[in-house]
Protein backbone atom coordinates (compact mmCIF):
# COMPACT_ATOMS: atom_id res chain seq x y z
CA MET A 1 -64.54 133.66 220.20
CA THR A 2 -65.59 133.86 223.84
CA MET A 3 -67.68 131.68 226.12
CA ILE A 4 -69.45 134.06 228.49
CA GLY A 5 -70.72 133.22 231.95
CA LEU A 6 -73.23 135.40 233.74
CA SER A 7 -71.33 135.22 237.03
CA SER A 8 -68.66 137.57 235.66
CA ALA A 9 -71.05 140.45 236.26
CA ASP A 10 -70.41 140.17 240.01
CA HIS A 11 -66.78 141.23 239.68
CA PRO A 12 -66.26 144.68 241.26
CA HIS A 13 -64.31 146.03 238.31
CA VAL A 14 -66.95 145.07 235.76
CA PRO A 15 -68.67 148.15 234.24
CA LEU A 16 -71.99 149.20 235.71
CA ALA A 17 -73.80 148.26 232.50
CA GLU A 18 -72.64 144.66 232.93
CA ARG A 19 -73.29 144.56 236.68
CA LEU A 20 -76.89 145.69 236.14
CA ARG A 21 -77.53 143.39 233.20
CA PRO A 22 -80.85 141.60 233.93
CA ARG A 23 -80.50 138.07 235.32
CA THR A 24 -84.16 137.20 234.72
CA LEU A 25 -86.78 138.16 232.17
CA ALA A 26 -88.69 140.04 234.88
CA GLU A 27 -85.76 142.43 235.32
CA VAL A 28 -85.75 143.50 231.67
CA ILE A 29 -86.92 147.07 231.10
CA GLY A 30 -88.58 147.83 227.78
CA GLN A 31 -89.58 145.72 224.77
CA ALA A 32 -93.07 145.06 226.15
CA HIS A 33 -94.27 144.42 222.60
CA LEU A 34 -92.07 141.29 222.60
CA LEU A 35 -91.85 140.35 226.28
CA GLY A 36 -95.31 141.19 227.62
CA PRO A 37 -97.89 138.48 228.37
CA GLY A 38 -98.80 136.60 225.23
CA LYS A 39 -96.13 138.37 223.16
CA PRO A 40 -93.76 136.45 220.85
CA LEU A 41 -90.60 136.25 222.97
CA ALA A 42 -92.53 135.69 226.18
CA ILE A 43 -94.20 132.70 224.53
CA ALA A 44 -90.83 131.45 223.28
CA PHE A 45 -89.34 131.57 226.78
CA GLN A 46 -92.35 129.83 228.27
CA SER A 47 -92.30 127.06 225.68
CA GLY A 48 -88.86 125.83 226.65
CA GLN A 49 -88.10 125.38 222.95
CA PRO A 50 -85.57 127.90 221.63
CA HIS A 51 -85.63 128.91 217.99
CA SER A 52 -83.23 130.79 215.77
CA MET A 53 -83.87 134.51 215.53
CA ILE A 54 -82.56 137.88 214.42
CA LEU A 55 -82.81 140.71 216.96
CA TRP A 56 -82.89 143.98 215.06
CA GLY A 57 -82.69 147.30 216.84
CA PRO A 58 -80.49 150.28 217.72
CA PRO A 59 -77.63 150.03 220.23
CA GLY A 60 -78.38 149.55 223.91
CA VAL A 61 -81.89 148.09 223.72
CA GLY A 62 -81.18 144.61 225.10
CA LYS A 63 -80.21 142.38 222.19
CA THR A 64 -77.26 140.74 223.98
CA THR A 65 -79.20 140.55 227.24
CA LEU A 66 -82.06 138.64 225.62
CA ALA A 67 -79.66 136.18 224.04
CA ARG A 68 -77.97 135.49 227.38
CA LEU A 69 -81.28 135.12 229.17
CA MET A 70 -82.37 132.65 226.54
CA ALA A 71 -79.32 130.49 227.18
CA ASP A 72 -80.03 130.54 230.91
CA ALA A 73 -83.75 129.84 230.51
CA PHE A 74 -83.15 126.87 228.21
CA ALA A 75 -80.15 125.53 230.14
CA ALA A 76 -78.10 125.85 226.98
CA ASP A 77 -74.43 126.52 226.40
CA PHE A 78 -73.86 130.10 225.25
CA ILE A 79 -71.22 130.95 222.67
CA ALA A 80 -70.78 134.58 221.67
CA LEU A 81 -69.07 135.82 218.53
CA SER A 82 -68.56 139.33 217.28
CA ALA A 83 -68.84 139.51 213.51
CA VAL A 84 -66.35 142.39 213.60
CA PHE A 85 -63.53 140.06 214.64
CA ALA A 86 -64.72 136.52 213.90
CA GLY A 87 -64.32 134.50 210.73
CA VAL A 88 -65.15 131.08 209.35
CA ARG A 89 -62.49 129.52 211.59
CA ASP A 90 -64.27 130.85 214.69
CA ILE A 91 -67.55 129.47 213.42
CA ARG A 92 -65.94 126.05 213.00
CA GLU A 93 -64.60 126.21 216.54
CA ALA A 94 -68.10 127.07 217.80
CA VAL A 95 -69.51 124.10 215.90
CA ALA A 96 -66.88 121.83 217.42
CA ARG A 97 -67.74 123.02 220.93
CA ALA A 98 -71.41 122.50 220.28
CA GLU A 99 -70.77 118.95 219.07
CA VAL A 100 -68.74 118.17 222.21
CA SER A 101 -71.45 119.65 224.45
CA ARG A 102 -74.19 117.61 222.80
CA ALA A 103 -72.12 114.43 222.95
CA ARG A 104 -71.26 114.86 226.64
CA SER A 105 -74.46 116.21 228.13
CA ASP A 106 -76.99 116.47 225.32
CA ARG A 107 -77.15 120.23 225.97
CA ARG A 108 -78.29 122.69 223.37
CA THR A 109 -75.93 125.43 222.22
CA ILE A 110 -77.02 128.98 221.50
CA LEU A 111 -74.64 130.75 219.13
CA PHE A 112 -74.95 134.50 219.53
CA VAL A 113 -73.45 136.61 216.73
CA ASP A 114 -73.27 140.32 217.49
CA GLU A 115 -73.33 142.70 214.51
CA VAL A 116 -74.16 139.76 212.25
CA HIS A 117 -74.65 142.12 209.30
CA ARG A 118 -70.85 142.42 209.13
CA PHE A 119 -70.51 138.76 208.12
CA ASN A 120 -70.17 138.27 204.38
CA LYS A 121 -72.24 135.73 202.44
CA ALA A 122 -69.70 132.91 202.88
CA GLN A 123 -69.55 133.48 206.63
CA GLN A 124 -73.33 133.58 206.93
CA ASP A 125 -73.63 130.40 204.89
CA ALA A 126 -71.02 128.62 207.03
CA PHE A 127 -73.33 127.93 209.98
CA LEU A 128 -76.55 127.32 208.04
CA PRO A 129 -76.16 123.50 207.91
CA TYR A 130 -75.72 123.38 211.67
CA VAL A 131 -78.74 125.57 212.26
CA GLU A 132 -80.82 123.37 209.96
CA GLY A 133 -79.54 120.22 211.68
CA GLY A 134 -80.44 121.54 215.13
CA LEU A 135 -76.88 121.56 216.48
CA LEU A 136 -76.96 125.34 216.90
CA THR A 137 -79.74 127.73 217.81
CA PHE A 138 -78.68 130.89 216.06
CA VAL A 139 -79.31 134.33 217.55
CA GLY A 140 -78.03 137.25 215.52
CA ALA A 141 -78.00 140.87 216.64
CA THR A 142 -77.95 143.71 214.15
CA THR A 143 -78.51 147.44 214.01
CA GLU A 144 -79.10 147.29 210.24
CA ASN A 145 -82.15 146.25 208.25
CA PRO A 146 -81.90 142.45 207.90
CA SER A 147 -83.71 142.58 204.55
CA PHE A 148 -80.74 144.36 203.06
CA GLU A 149 -77.83 142.99 205.07
CA LEU A 150 -78.56 139.27 205.60
CA ASN A 151 -78.81 136.39 203.17
CA SER A 152 -82.30 135.24 202.27
CA ALA A 153 -81.29 131.69 203.25
CA LEU A 154 -80.50 132.87 206.78
CA LEU A 155 -83.62 135.01 207.02
CA SER A 156 -85.79 132.06 206.01
CA ARG A 157 -84.46 130.05 208.96
CA ALA A 158 -84.74 132.71 211.65
CA ALA A 159 -87.58 134.80 213.06
CA VAL A 160 -86.92 138.54 212.98
CA TYR A 161 -87.81 140.54 216.09
CA VAL A 162 -87.63 144.34 216.05
CA LEU A 163 -86.44 145.94 219.30
CA GLN A 164 -87.33 149.56 220.03
CA PRO A 165 -85.37 152.33 221.79
CA LEU A 166 -86.40 152.67 225.42
CA SER A 167 -89.07 155.29 226.07
CA VAL A 168 -88.48 158.24 228.40
CA ALA A 169 -90.45 156.48 231.14
CA GLU A 170 -88.46 153.26 230.70
CA MET A 171 -85.20 155.20 230.73
CA GLY A 172 -86.34 156.88 233.94
CA GLU A 173 -86.97 153.48 235.53
CA LEU A 174 -83.52 152.30 234.48
CA LEU A 175 -81.98 155.52 235.79
CA ASP A 176 -83.56 154.93 239.21
CA ARG A 177 -82.05 151.46 239.28
CA ALA A 178 -78.63 152.76 238.26
CA LEU A 179 -78.62 155.62 240.77
CA ARG A 180 -79.55 153.27 243.63
CA HIS A 181 -76.61 151.09 242.68
CA ALA A 182 -73.96 153.68 241.77
CA LEU A 183 -74.94 156.75 243.82
CA PRO A 184 -76.99 155.55 246.82
CA GLY A 185 -78.37 158.40 248.91
CA MET A 186 -77.33 161.13 246.43
CA SER A 187 -80.04 163.63 245.55
CA VAL A 188 -80.55 164.16 241.84
CA SER A 189 -82.64 167.09 240.58
CA ASP A 190 -85.38 166.66 237.99
CA GLU A 191 -83.34 168.78 235.57
CA ALA A 192 -80.32 166.51 236.02
CA ARG A 193 -82.46 163.44 235.47
CA ALA A 194 -83.92 164.93 232.29
CA ARG A 195 -80.43 165.75 231.01
CA LEU A 196 -79.18 162.23 231.69
CA VAL A 197 -82.15 160.62 229.97
CA GLY A 198 -81.89 163.01 227.03
CA PHE A 199 -78.18 162.39 226.71
CA ALA A 200 -78.68 158.63 226.54
CA ASP A 201 -81.29 159.01 223.76
CA GLY A 202 -83.04 155.68 224.32
CA ASP A 203 -79.78 153.71 224.69
CA ALA A 204 -79.77 151.81 228.00
CA ARG A 205 -76.07 151.00 227.84
CA ARG A 206 -75.21 154.62 227.23
CA LEU A 207 -77.33 155.70 230.19
CA LEU A 208 -75.59 153.27 232.52
CA ASN A 209 -72.17 154.29 231.26
CA VAL A 210 -72.92 157.96 231.82
CA VAL A 211 -74.23 157.28 235.33
CA GLU A 212 -70.94 155.52 236.04
CA GLN A 213 -69.12 158.56 234.68
CA ILE A 214 -71.15 160.84 236.96
CA ALA A 215 -70.38 158.59 239.93
CA THR A 216 -66.66 158.97 239.22
CA ALA A 217 -67.05 162.74 238.99
CA CYS A 218 -68.93 162.77 242.30
CA SER A 219 -66.16 160.83 244.05
CA GLU A 220 -63.76 163.61 243.08
CA ALA A 221 -65.97 166.71 243.48
CA GLN A 222 -67.98 165.50 246.52
CA PRO A 223 -71.15 167.50 245.66
CA SER A 224 -74.04 167.64 248.09
CA GLY A 225 -76.40 166.90 245.21
CA ILE A 226 -76.47 166.59 241.45
CA ASP A 227 -78.12 169.30 239.38
CA GLY A 228 -78.24 170.13 235.69
CA ALA A 229 -75.10 172.28 235.83
CA PHE A 230 -73.11 169.44 237.37
CA ILE A 231 -74.24 167.12 234.59
CA GLU A 232 -73.14 169.64 231.95
CA GLN A 233 -69.73 170.01 233.56
CA ALA A 234 -69.20 166.29 233.99
CA LEU A 235 -70.14 165.23 230.48
CA ALA A 236 -68.66 166.08 227.13
CA GLN A 237 -70.97 167.54 224.50
CA SER A 238 -73.67 165.06 223.65
CA LEU A 239 -73.55 163.34 220.27
CA ARG A 240 -76.88 161.71 219.59
CA ARG A 241 -77.02 158.16 218.42
CA PHE A 242 -76.38 158.58 214.71
CA ASP A 243 -74.73 155.95 212.53
CA LYS A 244 -73.58 157.79 209.42
CA GLY A 245 -73.64 154.60 207.38
CA GLY A 246 -76.58 152.81 208.92
CA ASP A 247 -80.34 152.79 209.07
CA ALA A 248 -80.61 155.71 211.50
CA PHE A 249 -78.88 157.93 208.98
CA PHE A 250 -81.08 156.97 206.06
CA ASP A 251 -84.24 156.99 208.17
CA GLN A 252 -83.56 160.57 209.24
CA ILE A 253 -82.69 161.88 205.77
CA SER A 254 -85.85 160.14 204.56
CA ALA A 255 -87.86 161.94 207.24
CA LEU A 256 -86.31 165.29 206.25
CA HIS A 257 -87.08 164.72 202.57
CA LYS A 258 -90.65 163.66 203.28
CA ALA A 259 -91.24 166.66 205.57
CA VAL A 260 -90.09 168.99 202.78
CA ARG A 261 -92.24 167.14 200.24
CA GLY A 262 -95.18 167.32 202.65
CA SER A 263 -94.83 171.12 203.03
CA SER A 264 -94.18 170.93 206.78
CA PRO A 265 -91.50 173.57 207.49
CA ASP A 266 -91.28 172.93 211.22
CA ALA A 267 -90.89 169.18 210.80
CA ALA A 268 -88.33 169.73 208.03
CA LEU A 269 -86.36 172.05 210.32
CA TYR A 270 -86.58 169.51 213.15
CA TRP A 271 -85.06 166.69 211.09
CA PHE A 272 -82.45 169.00 209.60
CA CYS A 273 -81.32 170.07 213.08
CA ARG A 274 -81.50 166.49 214.37
CA MET A 275 -79.06 165.40 211.70
CA LEU A 276 -76.71 168.31 212.39
CA ASP A 277 -76.88 167.54 216.12
CA GLY A 278 -76.01 163.93 215.37
CA GLY A 279 -72.92 164.81 213.37
CA ALA A 280 -74.18 164.68 209.78
CA ASP A 281 -71.90 166.40 207.29
CA PRO A 282 -73.61 169.69 206.30
CA ARG A 283 -72.21 169.27 202.78
CA TYR A 284 -74.11 166.01 202.44
CA LEU A 285 -77.26 167.75 203.63
CA ALA A 286 -76.64 170.55 201.12
CA ARG A 287 -76.47 168.00 198.29
CA ARG A 288 -79.70 166.39 199.42
CA ILE A 289 -81.42 169.78 199.67
CA VAL A 290 -80.49 170.53 196.06
CA ARG A 291 -81.85 167.11 195.08
CA MET A 292 -85.13 167.86 196.88
CA ALA A 293 -85.48 171.10 194.95
CA TRP A 294 -85.36 169.27 191.64
CA GLU A 295 -87.26 166.13 192.61
CA ASP A 296 -90.22 167.58 194.51
CA ILE A 297 -90.47 171.20 193.36
CA GLY A 298 -88.93 171.31 189.92
CA LEU A 299 -90.44 173.80 187.50
CA ALA A 300 -93.33 174.66 189.81
CA ASP A 301 -90.85 177.07 191.44
CA PRO A 302 -87.46 177.20 189.69
CA ARG A 303 -86.25 179.62 192.37
CA ALA A 304 -86.08 176.69 194.79
CA ALA A 305 -83.13 175.10 193.00
CA ARG A 306 -81.31 178.44 192.86
CA ILE A 307 -81.91 179.05 196.58
CA ALA A 308 -80.68 175.53 197.39
CA LEU A 309 -77.52 176.06 195.35
CA ASP A 310 -76.95 179.49 196.89
CA ALA A 311 -77.31 177.98 200.36
CA ALA A 312 -74.77 175.27 199.52
CA GLU A 313 -72.36 177.93 198.24
CA SER A 314 -72.96 180.07 201.32
CA PHE A 315 -72.01 177.14 203.52
CA GLU A 316 -68.78 176.69 201.57
CA ARG A 317 -67.97 180.37 202.07
CA LEU A 318 -68.97 180.64 205.72
CA GLY A 319 -68.32 177.16 207.08
CA SER A 320 -69.91 175.82 210.26
CA PRO A 321 -71.90 176.93 212.20
CA GLU A 322 -72.67 180.17 210.34
CA GLY A 323 -73.28 178.49 206.99
CA GLU A 324 -75.81 176.10 208.45
CA LEU A 325 -78.29 178.97 208.76
CA ALA A 326 -78.35 179.29 204.97
CA LEU A 327 -79.07 175.58 204.62
CA ALA A 328 -81.82 175.80 207.23
CA GLN A 329 -83.53 178.65 205.37
CA ALA A 330 -83.26 176.74 202.11
CA VAL A 331 -85.04 173.84 203.83
CA LEU A 332 -87.81 176.21 204.95
CA TYR A 333 -88.20 177.68 201.46
CA LEU A 334 -88.38 174.24 199.86
CA ALA A 335 -90.96 173.11 202.39
CA MET A 336 -93.22 176.05 201.52
CA ALA A 337 -92.61 176.12 197.74
CA ALA A 338 -95.19 174.89 195.24
CA LYS A 339 -94.62 171.19 194.68
CA SER A 340 -94.31 169.26 191.44
CA ASN A 341 -92.71 165.94 190.62
CA ALA A 342 -93.76 166.20 186.96
CA GLY A 343 -90.20 166.70 185.74
CA TYR A 344 -88.95 163.88 187.95
CA LEU A 345 -91.61 161.48 186.66
CA ALA A 346 -91.04 162.52 183.05
CA TYR A 347 -87.29 161.93 183.35
CA ASN A 348 -87.78 158.49 184.91
CA ALA A 349 -90.35 157.51 182.27
CA ALA A 350 -88.06 158.58 179.42
CA ARG A 351 -85.10 156.71 180.93
CA ALA A 352 -87.19 153.58 181.38
CA PHE A 353 -88.50 153.75 177.80
CA ILE A 354 -85.04 154.22 176.30
CA GLY A 355 -83.61 151.45 178.45
CA ASN A 356 -86.05 148.97 176.92
CA ASP A 357 -86.29 150.39 173.40
CA ALA A 358 -84.22 149.83 170.26
CA SER A 359 -81.68 152.43 169.17
CA ARG A 360 -83.81 154.48 166.80
CA PRO A 361 -81.97 156.56 164.14
CA VAL A 362 -82.19 160.35 164.10
CA PRO A 363 -84.63 161.49 161.35
CA HIS A 364 -82.91 163.08 158.37
CA HIS A 365 -84.53 166.48 158.80
CA LEU A 366 -83.07 166.71 162.33
CA ARG A 367 -79.55 165.70 161.40
CA ASN A 368 -76.68 168.16 161.23
CA ALA A 369 -75.36 168.94 157.75
CA PRO A 370 -72.00 170.73 158.03
CA THR A 371 -70.61 169.24 154.75
CA ARG A 372 -71.81 169.00 151.14
CA LEU A 373 -71.82 165.20 151.34
CA MET A 374 -74.16 165.27 154.31
CA LYS A 375 -76.48 167.64 152.51
CA THR A 376 -76.42 165.33 149.47
CA LEU A 377 -77.45 162.48 151.76
CA GLY A 378 -80.47 164.50 152.85
CA HIS A 379 -79.28 165.59 156.26
CA GLY A 380 -81.26 168.60 157.40
CA LYS A 381 -83.64 168.50 154.44
CA ASP A 382 -87.10 169.98 155.08
CA TYR A 383 -86.07 171.14 158.56
CA ARG A 384 -88.33 173.97 159.72
CA TYR A 385 -86.51 176.74 161.58
CA ALA A 386 -88.81 177.50 164.50
CA HIS A 387 -87.88 181.19 164.71
CA ASP A 388 -89.24 181.72 161.22
CA GLU A 389 -92.61 180.22 162.11
CA PRO A 390 -95.65 181.96 163.69
CA GLU A 391 -95.23 182.18 167.47
CA ALA A 392 -91.70 180.79 166.88
CA TYR A 393 -93.27 177.35 166.81
CA ALA A 394 -93.24 174.84 163.92
CA ALA A 395 -96.74 173.53 164.47
CA GLY A 396 -97.23 169.89 163.54
CA GLU A 397 -93.50 169.16 163.38
CA SER A 398 -92.15 165.97 164.96
CA TYR A 399 -88.83 165.81 166.74
CA PHE A 400 -89.01 162.12 167.57
CA PRO A 401 -87.49 159.21 165.60
CA GLU A 402 -89.71 157.83 162.84
CA GLY A 403 -92.12 155.19 164.06
CA MET A 404 -91.82 156.35 167.64
CA PRO A 405 -95.09 155.87 169.54
CA ALA A 406 -96.78 159.00 170.83
CA VAL A 407 -95.72 159.87 174.35
CA GLU A 408 -96.58 162.58 176.88
CA TRP A 409 -94.07 162.05 179.66
CA TYR A 410 -94.09 165.61 180.96
CA ARG A 411 -97.42 166.53 182.48
CA PRO A 412 -97.24 169.81 184.40
CA VAL A 413 -99.21 170.03 187.60
CA ALA A 414 -101.67 172.79 188.39
CA ARG A 415 -99.38 174.41 190.96
CA GLY A 416 -96.94 177.30 190.88
CA LEU A 417 -95.26 178.23 187.61
CA GLU A 418 -96.30 174.90 186.10
CA ILE A 419 -99.82 176.29 185.81
CA ARG A 420 -98.50 178.65 183.12
CA ILE A 421 -96.27 175.95 181.63
CA GLY A 422 -99.26 173.62 181.37
CA GLU A 423 -101.32 176.30 179.67
CA LYS A 424 -98.59 176.92 177.09
CA LEU A 425 -98.08 173.22 176.48
CA ALA A 426 -101.83 172.76 175.93
CA HIS A 427 -101.80 175.66 173.47
CA LEU A 428 -98.87 174.24 171.51
CA ARG A 429 -100.48 170.83 171.33
CA GLU A 430 -103.65 172.43 169.98
CA LEU A 431 -101.55 174.14 167.27
CA ASP A 432 -100.06 170.72 166.43
CA ARG A 433 -103.52 169.18 166.21
CA GLN A 434 -104.77 171.93 163.95
CA ALA A 435 -101.68 171.76 161.69
CA ARG A 436 -102.01 168.00 161.26
CA LYS A 437 -105.74 168.42 160.52
CA ASP A 438 -104.98 171.01 157.82
CA ARG A 439 -102.22 168.80 156.38
CA ASP A 440 -104.51 165.78 156.20
């Protein structure tokens, strides 16, 4: 557990990101939807009454900064914990400090928990009584969806504010501030600026860290100016912000799947390449592509599943980066294929029915009869061998358990091959209707 003072930012060896951390709300760049006039956090700061909150957003968008500014604005003690390292013991120590502070000076205490989603249920529950009692104002920061990662008891006691990545214009404003501080008087080309902003990918902390890295490179190389080539030489290959286990990962795979489902090949290719650029495992993408073929295309175009499987096998044979071309072309084919979720819906409906239904016995005429005893018991009796029937179809026959309600889970769509499948199914059902009419 650490007690953080804002004055530490003045130390010359403190990283640039800390030295340029805003000291007032007016210095904050971005989050206008929360900090602009009449917006929720602006109102909270003006009220002088802090409240517990969850700040949800990607890295480098100002979650820690807002918590620190809140402590300063409300003249409160500020205790910071990292859920990666802290435990219940650290929470108890924070509570003890807060009790001492209130007893001595009647000061509020803001408890800031970074990466709060890493706390388990017991740890999250540990500070709830003190939040309810007003001893602590809780501010949690998370990159993950609070609905999934935080206890409902905690969510009910804290407002959730969603922070957004900084826009290109906001990143440009921050870059100007950083360059004035770290590289005063150095000319920076438009191409270099664009590369720096693109590299940071909406993450303010990352932008400031990379500017500091460029400043170090300049002190060694002594360039007359900074251009795009210098940026490329000074920086390692960019890895976009991409948490393989977090919301960014699942949001992007969701976008890829929906672009394929929506028959948008260019958008599907964009999200596929975004995920590769961010470090996604191509084998994972291959598995998802196969899943898309069955979920959203199915029997409307059975070639889609074969192409998806062939692409996955091609990747295994070729490896990266050559094999990624096969996956990309599979994505394009799936995006343009006829779409049907009829098989997917039928499967889910059947599973749901069986999950809630009794265990119905197999009718005798459908049972196997490999022994004389089984035949004596009536197994297989009156079974109609379809190949011996007209059109190789036993019209009017039932293959369901006795007493089973009539169902039509599979309903082919009027697209692709399922047009023909639907026509055949309608024909067979008409044969069934006619056979039952004749039998009655």
